[in-house]
């Protein structure tokens, strides 16, 4: 079983690898667990080991906000109570990214008003 790259770099609990570099490991982990794996980044990767989905959206702020990945996990967990792992991961990621995009727009509005 190919688990992806043999070397990886991390900063705290966050990987500094690209989403593309994690694809093989994500697929292998999803197959091994029978669940779904979401790898967040500029473009999210979500897989159940058979299907690989790329989801666009979110905010550049997510990469600098501590705990945003943990919060995403909580959102996905809510959907996991009522949907398959893949649908839960996809829906949770989409909703989280939409909320992040809307929050970013609010920050932009505040900055424009202050100028």
C-alpha atoms as a PDB file:
ATOM      1  CA  UNK A   1       0.000   0.000   0.000  1.00  0.00           C
ATOM      2  CA  UNK A   2       1.400   3.371  -1.034  1.00  0.00           C
ATOM      3  CA  UNK A   3       1.037   5.873   1.766  1.00  0.00           C
ATOM      4  CA  UNK A   4       2.425   8.846  -0.135  1.00  0.00           C
ATOM      5  CA  UNK A   5       5.769  10.548   0.324  1.00  0.00           C
ATOM      6  CA  UNK A   6       8.229   9.017   2.741  1.00  0.00           C
ATOM      7  CA  UNK A   7       9.181  12.416   4.121  1.00  0.00           C
ATOM      8  CA  UNK A   8       6.958  15.188   5.306  1.00  0.00           C
ATOM      9  CA  UNK A   9       7.384  18.453   7.149  1.00  0.00           C
ATOM     10  CA  UNK A  10       5.184  19.822   9.896  1.00  0.00           C
ATOM     11  CA  UNK A  11       4.777  23.005  11.897  1.00  0.00           C
ATOM     12  CA  UNK A  12       3.043  22.183  15.166  1.00  0.00           C
ATOM     13  CA  UNK A  13       0.052  20.031  14.246  1.00  0.00           C
ATOM     14  CA  UNK A  14      -0.061  21.442  10.715  1.00  0.00           C
ATOM     15  CA  UNK A  15       1.662  19.934   7.711  1.00  0.00           C
ATOM     16  CA  UNK A  16       3.708  22.256   5.557  1.00  0.00           C
ATOM     17  CA  UNK A  17       3.326  19.895   2.589  1.00  0.00           C
ATOM     18  CA  UNK A  18       1.002  20.741  -0.277  1.00  0.00           C
ATOM     19  CA  UNK A  19      -2.425  19.201  -0.637  1.00  0.00           C
ATOM     20  CA  UNK A  20      -1.193  17.472  -3.804  1.00  0.00           C
ATOM     21  CA  UNK A  21       1.678  15.886  -1.860  1.00  0.00           C
ATOM     22  CA  UNK A  22      -0.821  14.409   0.628  1.00  0.00           C
ATOM     23  CA  UNK A  23      -3.084  12.856  -2.029  1.00  0.00           C
ATOM     24  CA  UNK A  24      -1.546   9.367  -1.923  1.00  0.00           C
ATOM     25  CA  UNK A  25      -1.547   9.229   1.854  1.00  0.00           C
ATOM     26  CA  UNK A  26      -5.146  10.511   1.993  1.00  0.00           C
ATOM     27  CA  UNK A  27      -6.362   7.848  -0.424  1.00  0.00           C
ATOM     28  CA  UNK A  28      -4.473   5.103   1.432  1.00  0.00           C
ATOM     29  CA  UNK A  29      -5.826   6.237   4.817  1.00  0.00           C
ATOM     30  CA  UNK A  30      -9.407   6.431   3.544  1.00  0.00           C
ATOM     31  CA  UNK A  31      -9.150   2.928   2.079  1.00  0.00           C
ATOM     32  CA  UNK A  32      -7.597   1.563   5.255  1.00  0.00           C
ATOM     33  CA  UNK A  33     -10.221   3.101   7.565  1.00  0.00           C
ATOM     34  CA  UNK A  34     -13.224   2.744   5.274  1.00  0.00           C
ATOM     35  CA  UNK A  35     -13.981   6.389   5.968  1.00  0.00           C
ATOM     36  CA  UNK A  36     -13.219   9.664   4.255  1.00  0.00           C
ATOM     37  CA  UNK A  37     -10.208  11.946   4.503  1.00  0.00           C
ATOM     38  CA  UNK A  38     -10.208  15.699   3.935  1.00  0.00           C
ATOM     39  CA  UNK A  39      -6.939  17.514   3.306  1.00  0.00           C
ATOM     40  CA  UNK A  40      -7.462  21.247   3.616  1.00  0.00           C
ATOM     41  CA  UNK A  41      -5.511  23.855   1.738  1.00  0.00           C
ATOM     42  CA  UNK A  42      -6.012  26.472  -0.942  1.00  0.00           C
ATOM     43  CA  UNK A  43      -7.952  23.762  -2.765  1.00  0.00           C
ATOM     44  CA  UNK A  44      -9.260  21.033  -0.460  1.00  0.00           C
ATOM     45  CA  UNK A  45      -8.949  17.351  -1.356  1.00  0.00           C
ATOM     46  CA  UNK A  46     -11.632  14.984  -0.095  1.00  0.00           C
ATOM     47  CA  UNK A  47     -11.572  11.255  -0.733  1.00  0.00           C
ATOM     48  CA  UNK A  48     -13.145   8.001   0.364  1.00  0.00           C
ATOM     49  CA  UNK A  49     -10.302   6.065  -1.240  1.00  0.00           C
ATOM     50  CA  UNK A  50     -12.167   5.577  -4.505  1.00  0.00           C
ATOM     51  CA  UNK A  51     -13.476   9.028  -5.370  1.00  0.00           C
ATOM     52  CA  UNK A  52     -11.207  12.087  -5.148  1.00  0.00           C
ATOM     53  CA  UNK A  53     -12.904  15.496  -5.037  1.00  0.00           C
ATOM     54  CA  UNK A  54     -11.256  18.901  -5.101  1.00  0.00           C
ATOM     55  CA  UNK A  55     -13.206  21.694  -3.442  1.00  0.00           C
ATOM     56  CA  UNK A  56     -12.396  25.353  -4.024  1.00  0.00           C
ATOM     57  CA  UNK A  57     -13.264  28.236  -1.765  1.00  0.00           C
ATOM     58  CA  UNK A  58     -12.474  29.337   1.727  1.00  0.00           C
ATOM     59  CA  UNK A  59     -10.316  32.225   2.804  1.00  0.00           C
ATOM     60  CA  UNK A  60      -6.625  32.968   2.942  1.00  0.00           C
ATOM     61  CA  UNK A  61      -7.203  33.690   6.643  1.00  0.00           C
ATOM     62  CA  UNK A  62      -7.743  29.971   7.388  1.00  0.00           C
ATOM     63  CA  UNK A  63      -4.039  29.220   7.043  1.00  0.00           C
ATOM     64  CA  UNK A  64      -3.144  31.755   9.739  1.00  0.00           C
ATOM     65  CA  UNK A  65      -5.963  31.109  12.206  1.00  0.00           C
ATOM     66  CA  UNK A  66      -4.931  28.610  14.870  1.00  0.00           C
ATOM     67  CA  UNK A  67      -7.516  25.885  15.298  1.00  0.00           C
ATOM     68  CA  UNK A  68      -9.306  26.324  11.985  1.00  0.00           C
ATOM     69  CA  UNK A  69      -8.558  22.701  11.063  1.00  0.00           C
ATOM     70  CA  UNK A  70      -9.946  21.540  14.399  1.00  0.00           C
ATOM     71  CA  UNK A  71     -13.058  23.642  13.854  1.00  0.00           C
ATOM     72  CA  UNK A  72     -13.455  22.093  10.404  1.00  0.00           C
ATOM     73  CA  UNK A  73     -13.263  18.646  12.016  1.00  0.00           C
ATOM     74  CA  UNK A  74     -16.111  19.610  14.324  1.00  0.00           C
ATOM     75  CA  UNK A  75     -18.262  20.797  11.436  1.00  0.00           C
ATOM     76  CA  UNK A  76     -17.612  17.572   9.509  1.00  0.00           C
ATOM     77  CA  UNK A  77     -18.461  15.537  12.622  1.00  0.00           C
ATOM     78  CA  UNK A  78     -21.893  17.160  12.760  1.00  0.00           C
ATOM     79  CA  UNK A  79     -22.624  16.073   9.193  1.00  0.00           C
ATOM     80  CA  UNK A  80     -21.194  12.607   9.880  1.00  0.00           C
ATOM     81  CA  UNK A  81     -24.128  11.957  12.217  1.00  0.00           C
ATOM     82  CA  UNK A  82     -26.516  12.014   9.253  1.00  0.00           C
ATOM     83  CA  UNK A  83     -24.538  11.218   6.100  1.00  0.00           C
ATOM     84  CA  UNK A  84     -21.921   8.893   4.661  1.00  0.00           C
ATOM     85  CA  UNK A  85     -18.290   9.787   5.466  1.00  0.00           C
ATOM     86  CA  UNK A  86     -17.638  11.177   1.974  1.00  0.00           C
ATOM     87  CA  UNK A  87     -20.792  13.305   1.902  1.00  0.00           C
ATOM     88  CA  UNK A  88     -20.129  14.504   5.466  1.00  0.00           C
ATOM     89  CA  UNK A  89     -16.560  15.533   4.624  1.00  0.00           C
ATOM     90  CA  UNK A  90     -17.591  17.221   1.390  1.00  0.00           C
ATOM     91  CA  UNK A  91     -20.570  19.047   2.902  1.00  0.00           C
ATOM     92  CA  UNK A  92     -18.684  20.070   6.035  1.00  0.00           C
ATOM     93  CA  UNK A  93     -15.787  21.424   3.977  1.00  0.00           C
ATOM     94  CA  UNK A  94     -18.114  23.298   1.618  1.00  0.00           C
ATOM     95  CA  UNK A  95     -20.086  24.909   4.450  1.00  0.00           C
ATOM     96  CA  UNK A  96     -16.899  25.778   6.360  1.00  0.00           C
ATOM     97  CA  UNK A  97     -15.331  27.328   3.257  1.00  0.00           C
ATOM     98  CA  UNK A  98     -18.480  29.328   2.533  1.00  0.00           C
ATOM     99  CA  UNK A  99     -18.526  30.670   6.098  1.00  0.00           C
ATOM    100  CA  UNK A 100     -14.829  31.573   5.825  1.00  0.00           C
ATOM    101  CA  UNK A 101     -15.394  33.382   2.529  1.00  0.00           C
ATOM    102  CA  UNK A 102     -18.306  35.341   4.030  1.00  0.00           C
ATOM    103  CA  UNK A 103     -16.252  36.245   7.114  1.00  0.00           C
ATOM    104  CA  UNK A 104     -13.409  37.438   4.882  1.00  0.00           C
ATOM    105  CA  UNK A 105     -15.861  39.663   3.008  1.00  0.00           C
ATOM    106  CA  UNK A 106     -16.976  41.184   6.328  1.00  0.00           C
ATOM    107  CA  UNK A 107     -13.350  41.959   7.221  1.00  0.00           C
ATOM    108  CA  UNK A 108     -12.892  43.602   3.821  1.00  0.00           C
ATOM    109  CA  UNK A 109     -16.040  45.704   4.411  1.00  0.00           C
ATOM    110  CA  UNK A 110     -14.747  46.876   7.813  1.00  0.00           C
ATOM    111  CA  UNK A 111     -11.348  47.792   6.340  1.00  0.00           C
ATOM    112  CA  UNK A 112     -13.013  49.819   3.554  1.00  0.00           C
ATOM    113  CA  UNK A 113     -15.225  51.675   6.072  1.00  0.00           C
ATOM    114  CA  UNK A 114     -12.199  52.550   8.224  1.00  0.00           C
ATOM    115  CA  UNK A 115     -10.335  54.140   5.299  1.00  0.00           C
END
